[in-house]
Amino acid sequence: MSPQSVSFKSLEDLRAACLDLPAGSDAAASAVARRQDTLTKPPGSLGRLETIAAWLGRWQGRDMPKLDAVKVFVFAGNHGVTAQGVSAYPSEVTVQMVANFAGGGAAINQLARIAGAKLDVIPLDLDHPTGDFTQVPAMDEKAFLAAVSAGYDAVTKDLDLVCFGEMGIGNTTPAAAISTALFGGSAEKWTGRGTGVDDAGLKRKVVAIEAGLKRHADSLSDPLKIAAALGGRELAAILGATLAARKNNVPVLLDGFVCTAAAAPLARLHPTGLAHTVAAHVSAEAGHRRLLEALGLPPLLDLGMRLGEGSGACLAVNIVRSALECHARMASFAEAGVSEK
């Protein structure tokens, strides 16, 4: 996050980038759909496996998509709002878990390996938590743009599919705050137990979010200012990475509540801002299902997970691989000598 690495010099630069998004290849998506209709199955009988193949084709620009280069990015950050007692774990766990990722001992290490995905863990200034948003903005413009740029610069054109995950003690609180600010309703309806807070901890989360919304009321009409005032470095990086994936025509599997909330400002800035994404799963965190519904993103999986780390996104990679194997390797009716109706 050095000055040389900052891709966006101002919020207006970032806003302009968010408003100028490629639409993918209609021709490739149509070619995939046409092939699907020739394969030895009733049309549409593979359900979302068929639409996943067309989605990949659109964003890769190929009638035969591929998954040779799949990468999982886990962005890590620390949060000043933990001073309000919103998490069951202390902030030092973020640093400890980053070390665990490096040692191969976390769930995401195992799931990435099984998915055939490379894991890239990117810690973001862990020694300096964001501001406590009940008192001050989580990030000023400079810090926010640096974090967005860190995510933006991580995603390259050579990738076939990316998964985004996060690690940050307390980060379901900013996720709920961002969701409330973007989509309305009471903070209570967006707020869950995160890592497992008790009833008193849940109440503290709601109170903190309400205080943050009140303090930063002047920012709530602007999705980018919301992300800066109420978010976190890892959430800002996921926003930047999701934007970079769109610019580079790389399809994205979104993970859980924090990841989805981090990317949500892009959808509020552009009507098709998240068209290149698929929701890998719906988590057990209270606000995630509500957020996916607000964004129009039906999840692939519902396994009661609430870990983060990109774990749900990684699990969905093999569903995507299955969709491509059927698309590429199934015989057509003519090839198999099977009569059509």
Protein backbone atom coordinates (compact mmCIF):
# COMPACT_ATOMS: atom_id res chain seq x y z
CA MET A 1 0.00 0.00 0.00
CA SER A 2 2.80 2.36 -0.87
CA PRO A 3 1.98 5.62 -2.66
CA GLN A 4 3.32 4.11 -5.89
CA SER A 5 0.70 1.34 -5.71
CA VAL A 6 -2.34 3.60 -5.41
CA SER A 7 -4.38 3.17 -8.59
CA PHE A 8 -6.98 5.78 -7.64
CA LYS A 9 -5.94 9.29 -6.67
CA SER A 10 -9.39 10.49 -5.59
CA LEU A 11 -12.89 9.26 -4.89
CA GLU A 12 -13.95 10.76 -8.20
CA ASP A 13 -11.33 8.71 -10.05
CA LEU A 14 -12.69 5.60 -8.36
CA ARG A 15 -16.27 6.60 -9.06
CA ALA A 16 -15.51 7.09 -12.75
CA ALA A 17 -13.98 3.62 -12.90
CA CYS A 18 -17.06 2.12 -11.24
CA LEU A 19 -19.34 3.76 -13.81
CA ASP A 20 -17.42 2.51 -16.86
CA LEU A 21 -17.80 -1.27 -16.87
CA PRO A 22 -17.50 -3.81 -19.70
CA ALA A 23 -20.58 -5.92 -20.43
CA GLY A 24 -18.86 -9.17 -21.36
CA SER A 25 -19.37 -11.07 -24.59
CA ASP A 26 -22.97 -11.62 -25.67
CA ALA A 27 -21.68 -13.73 -28.55
CA ALA A 28 -19.77 -16.12 -26.29
CA ALA A 29 -22.66 -16.46 -23.84
CA SER A 30 -25.06 -17.19 -26.71
CA ALA A 31 -22.68 -19.76 -28.18
CA VAL A 32 -22.51 -21.56 -24.84
CA ALA A 33 -26.30 -21.57 -24.56
CA ARG A 34 -26.69 -22.92 -28.10
CA ARG A 35 -24.31 -25.78 -27.38
CA GLN A 36 -26.14 -26.59 -24.16
CA ASP A 37 -29.32 -27.11 -26.19
CA THR A 38 -27.59 -29.73 -28.39
CA LEU A 39 -26.30 -31.91 -25.54
CA THR A 40 -27.82 -35.25 -24.55
CA LYS A 41 -30.27 -33.96 -21.95
CA PRO A 42 -33.62 -32.22 -21.90
CA PRO A 43 -33.10 -28.48 -22.39
CA GLY A 44 -32.50 -26.76 -19.07
CA SER A 45 -32.33 -30.02 -17.13
CA LEU A 46 -28.92 -29.20 -15.63
CA GLY A 47 -30.39 -26.06 -14.13
CA ARG A 48 -27.83 -23.60 -12.86
CA LEU A 49 -24.95 -25.66 -14.23
CA GLU A 50 -26.08 -24.46 -17.65
CA THR A 51 -26.32 -20.81 -16.67
CA ILE A 52 -22.96 -21.01 -14.89
CA ALA A 53 -21.34 -22.20 -18.12
CA ALA A 54 -22.90 -19.29 -20.03
CA TRP A 55 -21.83 -16.84 -17.30
CA LEU A 56 -18.24 -18.02 -17.55
CA GLY A 57 -18.39 -17.85 -21.33
CA ARG A 58 -19.64 -14.26 -21.22
CA TRP A 59 -16.87 -13.01 -18.98
CA GLN A 60 -14.05 -15.09 -20.41
CA GLY A 61 -15.20 -14.34 -23.96
CA ARG A 62 -14.99 -18.04 -24.89
CA ASP A 63 -17.57 -20.52 -26.11
CA MET A 64 -15.45 -23.15 -24.33
CA PRO A 65 -14.53 -21.53 -21.01
CA LYS A 66 -11.61 -22.83 -18.97
CA LEU A 67 -10.51 -22.98 -15.35
CA ASP A 68 -6.77 -23.38 -15.60
CA ALA A 69 -5.97 -20.38 -13.39
CA VAL A 70 -8.21 -20.10 -10.32
CA LYS A 71 -7.12 -17.94 -7.41
CA VAL A 72 -8.45 -17.24 -3.93
CA PHE A 73 -7.59 -13.88 -2.41
CA VAL A 74 -7.96 -13.46 1.34
CA PHE A 75 -7.63 -9.85 2.48
CA ALA A 76 -7.00 -9.20 6.17
CA GLY A 77 -7.57 -6.06 8.22
CA ASN A 78 -8.15 -4.89 11.79
CA HIS A 79 -11.00 -2.74 13.05
CA GLY A 80 -11.12 0.06 15.58
CA VAL A 81 -14.80 -0.60 16.24
CA THR A 82 -13.81 -3.72 18.20
CA ALA A 83 -13.24 -1.27 21.08
CA GLN A 84 -17.03 -1.29 21.41
CA GLY A 85 -17.07 -4.97 22.41
CA VAL A 86 -18.58 -6.22 19.15
CA SER A 87 -16.56 -9.45 18.79
CA ALA A 88 -16.10 -12.61 20.82
CA TYR A 89 -12.38 -12.65 19.93
CA PRO A 90 -9.55 -10.14 20.47
CA SER A 91 -8.08 -8.27 17.49
CA GLU A 92 -4.72 -10.07 17.74
CA VAL A 93 -6.45 -13.15 16.33
CA THR A 94 -6.36 -11.50 12.89
CA VAL A 95 -2.54 -11.54 12.87
CA GLN A 96 -2.48 -15.04 14.32
CA MET A 97 -4.83 -16.34 11.64
CA VAL A 98 -2.74 -14.76 8.88
CA ALA A 99 0.18 -16.77 10.27
CA ASN A 100 -2.06 -19.84 10.29
CA PHE A 101 -2.87 -19.28 6.62
CA ALA A 102 0.85 -19.08 5.87
CA GLY A 103 1.40 -22.34 7.74
CA GLY A 104 -1.35 -24.14 5.86
CA GLY A 105 -3.47 -24.80 8.94
CA ALA A 106 -6.72 -22.99 8.18
CA ALA A 107 -9.91 -24.23 6.54
CA ILE A 108 -9.25 -22.12 3.46
CA ASN A 109 -5.91 -23.87 2.89
CA GLN A 110 -7.66 -27.23 2.64
CA LEU A 111 -10.56 -25.97 0.55
CA ALA A 112 -8.33 -24.10 -1.89
CA ARG A 113 -6.23 -27.21 -2.40
CA ILE A 114 -9.28 -29.36 -3.10
CA ALA A 115 -10.61 -26.73 -5.50
CA GLY A 116 -7.33 -26.58 -7.42
CA ALA A 117 -7.00 -22.90 -6.57
CA LYS A 118 -3.94 -20.88 -5.63
CA LEU A 119 -4.25 -19.03 -2.32
CA ASP A 120 -2.98 -15.47 -1.94
CA VAL A 121 -3.29 -13.88 1.52
CA ILE A 122 -2.90 -10.10 1.59
CA PRO A 123 -2.63 -8.44 5.05
CA LEU A 124 -3.46 -4.75 5.09
CA ASP A 125 -1.66 -2.66 7.72
CA LEU A 126 -2.65 -4.98 10.56
CA ASP A 127 -0.66 -3.00 13.13
CA HIS A 128 -2.93 0.00 12.55
CA PRO A 129 -6.64 -0.73 12.97
CA THR A 130 -9.15 1.44 11.19
CA GLY A 131 -10.79 4.22 13.16
CA ASP A 132 -13.64 3.35 15.49
CA PHE A 133 -16.52 4.40 13.27
CA THR A 134 -18.69 5.27 16.27
CA GLN A 135 -16.27 8.17 16.83
CA VAL A 136 -14.48 8.91 13.53
CA PRO A 137 -14.54 7.63 9.94
CA ALA A 138 -13.09 4.14 9.67
CA MET A 139 -10.81 5.45 6.92
CA ASP A 140 -10.05 8.85 5.52
CA GLU A 141 -9.99 9.18 1.74
CA LYS A 142 -6.27 8.43 1.47
CA ALA A 143 -6.44 5.24 3.53
CA PHE A 144 -9.60 4.08 1.76
CA LEU A 145 -8.13 4.59 -1.71
CA ALA A 146 -4.92 2.83 -0.70
CA ALA A 147 -6.89 -0.22 0.43
CA VAL A 148 -9.11 -0.20 -2.67
CA SER A 149 -5.98 0.03 -4.81
CA ALA A 150 -4.36 -2.90 -3.01
CA GLY A 151 -7.28 -5.08 -4.03
CA TYR A 152 -7.53 -3.60 -7.50
CA ASP A 153 -3.87 -4.24 -8.24
CA ALA A 154 -4.04 -7.86 -7.06
CA VAL A 155 -6.36 -9.12 -9.82
CA THR A 156 -4.72 -9.71 -13.20
CA LYS A 157 -6.06 -10.50 -16.67
CA ASP A 158 -4.53 -13.99 -16.77
CA LEU A 159 -6.97 -15.40 -14.19
CA ASP A 160 -9.93 -17.55 -15.26
CA LEU A 161 -11.90 -17.29 -12.01
CA VAL A 162 -11.35 -15.60 -8.66
CA CYS A 163 -12.73 -16.08 -5.17
CA PHE A 164 -12.57 -13.34 -2.57
CA GLY A 165 -12.43 -13.89 1.17
CA GLU A 166 -11.50 -11.94 4.27
CA MET A 167 -10.08 -12.18 7.76
CA GLY A 168 -10.68 -9.43 10.28
CA ILE A 169 -11.89 -9.74 13.84
CA GLY A 170 -15.02 -7.63 14.21
CA ASN A 171 -15.67 -7.24 10.49
CA THR A 172 -19.28 -8.41 10.48
CA THR A 173 -20.01 -5.12 12.26
CA PRO A 174 -18.83 -2.92 9.37
CA ALA A 175 -20.50 -5.35 6.94
CA ALA A 176 -23.83 -4.86 8.71
CA ALA A 177 -23.26 -1.09 8.91
CA ILE A 178 -22.55 -0.85 5.17
CA SER A 179 -25.58 -3.01 4.35
CA THR A 180 -27.86 -0.89 6.51
CA ALA A 181 -26.54 2.32 4.97
CA LEU A 182 -26.87 1.04 1.39
CA PHE A 183 -30.24 -0.71 1.59
CA GLY A 184 -32.06 0.77 4.58
CA GLY A 185 -34.01 -0.86 7.36
CA SER A 186 -33.01 -1.15 10.98
CA ALA A 187 -29.48 -2.04 12.03
CA GLU A 188 -30.95 -4.85 14.13
CA LYS A 189 -32.27 -6.63 11.02
CA TRP A 190 -28.84 -6.62 9.38
CA THR A 191 -26.81 -7.62 12.43
CA GLY A 192 -25.89 -11.16 13.46
CA ARG A 193 -23.69 -12.88 15.99
CA GLY A 194 -20.53 -13.00 13.86
CA THR A 195 -17.98 -15.21 15.59
CA GLY A 196 -20.52 -16.04 18.29
CA VAL A 197 -21.24 -13.07 20.53
CA ASP A 198 -23.83 -13.49 23.28
CA ASP A 199 -27.01 -11.43 23.53
CA ALA A 200 -25.20 -8.56 25.22
CA GLY A 201 -22.54 -8.57 22.51
CA LEU A 202 -25.21 -8.57 19.80
CA LYS A 203 -26.82 -5.55 21.42
CA ARG A 204 -23.45 -3.78 21.51
CA LYS A 205 -23.06 -4.43 17.77
CA VAL A 206 -26.44 -2.90 17.02
CA VAL A 207 -25.73 0.13 19.23
CA ALA A 208 -22.33 0.64 17.56
CA ILE A 209 -23.84 0.47 14.08
CA GLU A 210 -26.60 2.90 14.99
CA ALA A 211 -23.99 5.28 16.43
CA GLY A 212 -21.90 5.01 13.27
CA LEU A 213 -24.86 5.69 11.00
CA LYS A 214 -25.78 8.75 13.06
CA ARG A 215 -22.24 10.10 13.19
CA HIS A 216 -21.68 9.70 9.45
CA ALA A 217 -25.15 10.72 8.27
CA ASP A 218 -23.66 13.20 5.80
CA SER A 219 -21.91 10.35 3.95
CA LEU A 220 -24.87 8.01 3.59
CA SER A 221 -26.00 9.20 0.15
CA ASP A 222 -22.72 8.09 -1.47
CA PRO A 223 -21.82 4.37 -1.65
CA LEU A 224 -18.09 5.10 -1.72
CA LYS A 225 -18.23 7.42 1.26
CA ILE A 226 -20.26 4.78 3.09
CA ALA A 227 -17.54 2.20 2.39
CA ALA A 228 -14.86 4.56 3.68
CA ALA A 229 -16.68 5.80 6.78
CA LEU A 230 -18.14 2.47 7.95
CA GLY A 231 -15.97 -0.21 6.34
CA GLY A 232 -12.51 -1.63 6.76
CA ARG A 233 -9.34 -2.08 4.79
CA GLU A 234 -10.09 -5.67 3.79
CA LEU A 235 -13.60 -4.70 2.71
CA ALA A 236 -12.23 -1.81 0.65
CA ALA A 237 -9.70 -4.17 -0.93
CA ILE A 238 -12.49 -6.59 -1.89
CA LEU A 239 -14.35 -3.69 -3.50
CA GLY A 240 -11.23 -2.83 -5.50
CA ALA A 241 -10.60 -6.45 -6.42
CA THR A 242 -14.19 -6.92 -7.59
CA LEU A 243 -13.86 -3.81 -9.75
CA ALA A 244 -10.55 -5.01 -11.21
CA ALA A 245 -12.07 -8.38 -12.01
CA ARG A 246 -14.83 -6.64 -13.96
CA LYS A 247 -12.36 -4.45 -15.84
CA ASN A 248 -10.30 -7.56 -16.70
CA ASN A 249 -13.34 -9.72 -17.60
CA VAL A 250 -12.59 -12.19 -14.80
CA PRO A 251 -15.64 -13.89 -13.25
CA VAL A 252 -15.95 -13.79 -9.45
CA LEU A 253 -17.33 -16.14 -6.82
CA LEU A 254 -18.44 -14.06 -3.85
CA ASP A 255 -18.09 -15.55 -0.38
CA GLY A 256 -20.18 -14.66 2.65
CA PHE A 257 -21.73 -11.63 4.30
CA VAL A 258 -18.59 -9.55 4.70
CA CYS A 259 -17.41 -10.18 1.15
CA THR A 260 -20.83 -9.44 -0.33
CA ALA A 261 -21.24 -6.26 1.70
CA ALA A 262 -17.77 -5.16 0.61
CA ALA A 263 -18.70 -5.51 -3.07
CA ALA A 264 -22.23 -4.10 -2.71
CA PRO A 265 -21.30 -0.42 -3.27
CA LEU A 266 -20.42 -1.35 -6.86
CA ALA A 267 -24.00 -2.52 -7.40
CA ARG A 268 -25.34 0.75 -5.99
CA LEU A 269 -23.13 2.76 -8.32
CA HIS A 270 -23.87 0.78 -11.50
CA PRO A 271 -27.04 -1.21 -12.28
CA THR A 272 -25.02 -4.22 -13.51
CA GLY A 273 -22.08 -3.66 -11.19
CA LEU A 274 -22.05 -7.25 -9.91
CA ALA A 275 -23.13 -9.03 -13.11
CA HIS A 276 -19.73 -10.73 -13.30
CA THR A 277 -20.23 -12.27 -9.85
CA VAL A 278 -22.06 -15.33 -8.56
CA ALA A 279 -22.96 -15.74 -4.89
CA ALA A 280 -21.21 -18.94 -3.89
CA HIS A 281 -23.29 -19.50 -0.78
CA VAL A 282 -25.59 -17.93 1.75
CA SER A 283 -24.06 -17.88 5.20
CA ALA A 284 -25.68 -18.28 8.59
CA GLU A 285 -24.94 -14.63 9.40
CA ALA A 286 -28.27 -12.86 9.78
CA GLY A 287 -27.86 -10.17 7.13
CA HIS A 288 -26.43 -12.25 4.31
CA ARG A 289 -29.64 -13.71 2.90
CA ARG A 290 -31.28 -10.30 3.09
CA LEU A 291 -28.31 -8.75 1.28
CA LEU A 292 -28.29 -11.36 -1.48
CA GLU A 293 -32.00 -10.78 -2.02
CA ALA A 294 -31.45 -7.03 -2.22
CA LEU A 295 -28.72 -7.57 -4.80
CA GLY A 296 -30.65 -10.18 -6.79
CA LEU A 297 -27.91 -12.79 -6.32
CA PRO A 298 -29.27 -16.30 -5.66
CA PRO A 299 -26.69 -18.42 -3.79
CA LEU A 300 -25.36 -21.72 -5.07
CA LEU A 301 -25.00 -23.32 -1.62
CA ASP A 302 -26.68 -23.10 1.78
CA LEU A 303 -24.54 -25.04 4.26
CA GLY A 304 -25.01 -23.00 7.42
CA MET A 305 -21.42 -21.72 7.21
CA ARG A 306 -20.22 -18.47 8.82
CA LEU A 307 -16.43 -18.75 8.72
CA GLY A 308 -15.40 -16.29 6.03
CA GLU A 309 -11.88 -16.73 4.62
CA GLY A 310 -13.37 -17.37 1.17
CA SER A 311 -14.42 -20.83 2.38
CA GLY A 312 -17.87 -20.87 0.77
CA ALA A 313 -16.52 -19.45 -2.48
CA CYS A 314 -13.88 -22.17 -2.62
CA LEU A 315 -16.49 -24.87 -2.11
CA ALA A 316 -18.38 -23.53 -5.12
CA VAL A 317 -15.34 -23.77 -7.43
CA ASN A 318 -15.94 -27.47 -7.95
CA ILE A 319 -19.57 -26.78 -8.85
CA VAL A 320 -18.26 -24.44 -11.53
CA ARG A 321 -15.79 -27.11 -12.65
CA SER A 322 -18.66 -29.58 -12.90
CA ALA A 323 -20.62 -27.15 -15.06
CA LEU A 324 -17.67 -26.81 -17.43
CA GLU A 325 -17.01 -30.55 -17.62
CA CYS A 326 -20.59 -31.17 -18.66
CA HIS A 327 -20.46 -28.32 -21.17
CA ALA A 328 -17.19 -29.44 -22.73
CA ARG A 329 -17.40 -33.24 -22.55
CA MET A 330 -21.02 -34.24 -22.96
CA ALA A 331 -21.94 -35.58 -26.38
CA SER A 332 -24.50 -33.91 -28.59
CA PHE A 333 -27.57 -35.86 -29.68
CA ALA A 334 -26.02 -36.24 -33.13
CA GLU A 335 -22.64 -37.40 -31.80
CA ALA A 336 -24.22 -39.96 -29.49
CA GLY A 337 -26.81 -41.20 -31.95
CA VAL A 338 -29.59 -40.34 -29.51
CA SER A 339 -32.96 -39.35 -30.89
CA GLU A 340 -34.30 -35.91 -30.03
CA LYS A 341 -37.95 -35.39 -29.26
